[in-house]
């Protein structure tokens, strides 16, 4: 799931690819709350995973965010 999130961040939100690591924070990537709202919409549209911007904001790192998205996409 990290690769899919990395693709979204670099492609659609124009984050520099060298900045997107599992340990990176939203602040490291220069993303604000509006960017996170946009990210939650893109994740739902592109990956079919419904996740709120608040949940994404609560994730401490991009890796944790990818893990959360992965958990949501797993069949129950």
Protein backbone atom coordinates (compact mmCIF):
# COMPACT_ATOMS: atom_id res chain seq x y z
CA UNK A 1 0.00 0.00 0.00
CA UNK A 2 2.96 2.32 0.56
CA UNK A 3 3.76 2.27 -3.17
CA UNK A 4 0.19 3.23 -4.08
CA UNK A 5 0.23 6.07 -1.55
CA UNK A 6 3.64 7.19 -2.79
CA UNK A 7 2.30 7.29 -6.37
CA UNK A 8 -0.66 9.44 -5.28
CA UNK A 9 1.53 11.82 -3.26
CA UNK A 10 4.09 12.31 -6.03
CA UNK A 11 1.69 12.26 -8.98
CA UNK A 12 -1.42 14.06 -7.83
CA UNK A 13 -0.19 16.14 -4.89
CA UNK A 14 3.16 16.99 -6.52
CA UNK A 15 5.35 15.94 -3.58
CA UNK A 16 9.02 15.39 -4.44
CA UNK A 17 9.61 11.61 -4.75
CA UNK A 18 12.77 11.71 -2.64
CA UNK A 19 10.78 13.10 0.30
CA UNK A 20 8.20 10.29 0.36
CA UNK A 21 9.56 7.68 2.77
CA UNK A 22 7.74 5.51 5.32
CA UNK A 23 9.26 7.62 8.11
CA UNK A 24 8.23 10.98 6.62
CA UNK A 25 5.57 13.08 8.31
CA UNK A 26 2.99 15.31 6.65
CA UNK A 27 5.09 18.29 7.73
CA UNK A 28 8.17 16.75 6.08
CA UNK A 29 6.22 16.61 2.82
CA UNK A 30 4.88 20.13 3.19
CA UNK A 31 1.25 18.98 3.28
CA UNK A 32 -1.36 21.01 5.14
CA UNK A 33 -4.85 20.02 6.28
CA UNK A 34 -6.39 20.99 2.93
CA UNK A 35 -3.94 18.69 1.15
CA UNK A 36 -4.95 15.86 3.50
CA UNK A 37 -8.63 16.42 2.65
CA UNK A 38 -7.69 16.16 -1.01
CA UNK A 39 -5.64 13.03 -0.27
CA UNK A 40 -8.59 11.32 1.46
CA UNK A 41 -10.76 12.00 -1.60
CA UNK A 42 -8.10 10.70 -3.99
CA UNK A 43 -7.59 7.54 -1.89
CA UNK A 44 -11.31 6.86 -1.99
CA UNK A 45 -11.60 7.53 -5.73
CA UNK A 46 -8.41 5.77 -6.83
CA UNK A 47 -8.14 2.93 -4.33
CA UNK A 48 -11.76 2.53 -3.27
CA UNK A 49 -10.84 2.98 0.40
CA UNK A 50 -13.00 5.31 2.46
CA UNK A 51 -10.89 7.04 5.08
CA UNK A 52 -11.42 10.43 6.69
CA UNK A 53 -8.95 13.27 6.62
CA UNK A 54 -8.96 13.23 10.45
CA UNK A 55 -7.81 9.61 10.43
CA UNK A 56 -5.03 10.48 7.99
CA UNK A 57 -4.01 13.47 10.11
CA UNK A 58 -3.79 11.20 13.17
CA UNK A 59 -1.26 8.92 11.45
CA UNK A 60 2.21 9.90 12.69
CA UNK A 61 4.04 8.95 9.47
CA UNK A 62 3.39 8.17 5.82
CA UNK A 63 4.15 4.52 6.59
CA UNK A 64 1.48 4.47 9.31
CA UNK A 65 -0.92 6.14 6.89
CA UNK A 66 -0.23 3.46 4.27
CA UNK A 67 -0.76 0.74 6.90
CA UNK A 68 -4.10 2.28 7.89
CA UNK A 69 -5.23 2.44 4.27
CA UNK A 70 -4.09 -1.17 3.78
CA UNK A 71 -6.11 -2.31 6.79
CA UNK A 72 -9.20 -0.57 5.42
CA UNK A 73 -8.79 -2.15 1.99
CA UNK A 74 -8.39 -5.69 3.32
CA UNK A 75 -11.49 -7.84 2.91
CA UNK A 76 -13.26 -8.52 6.18
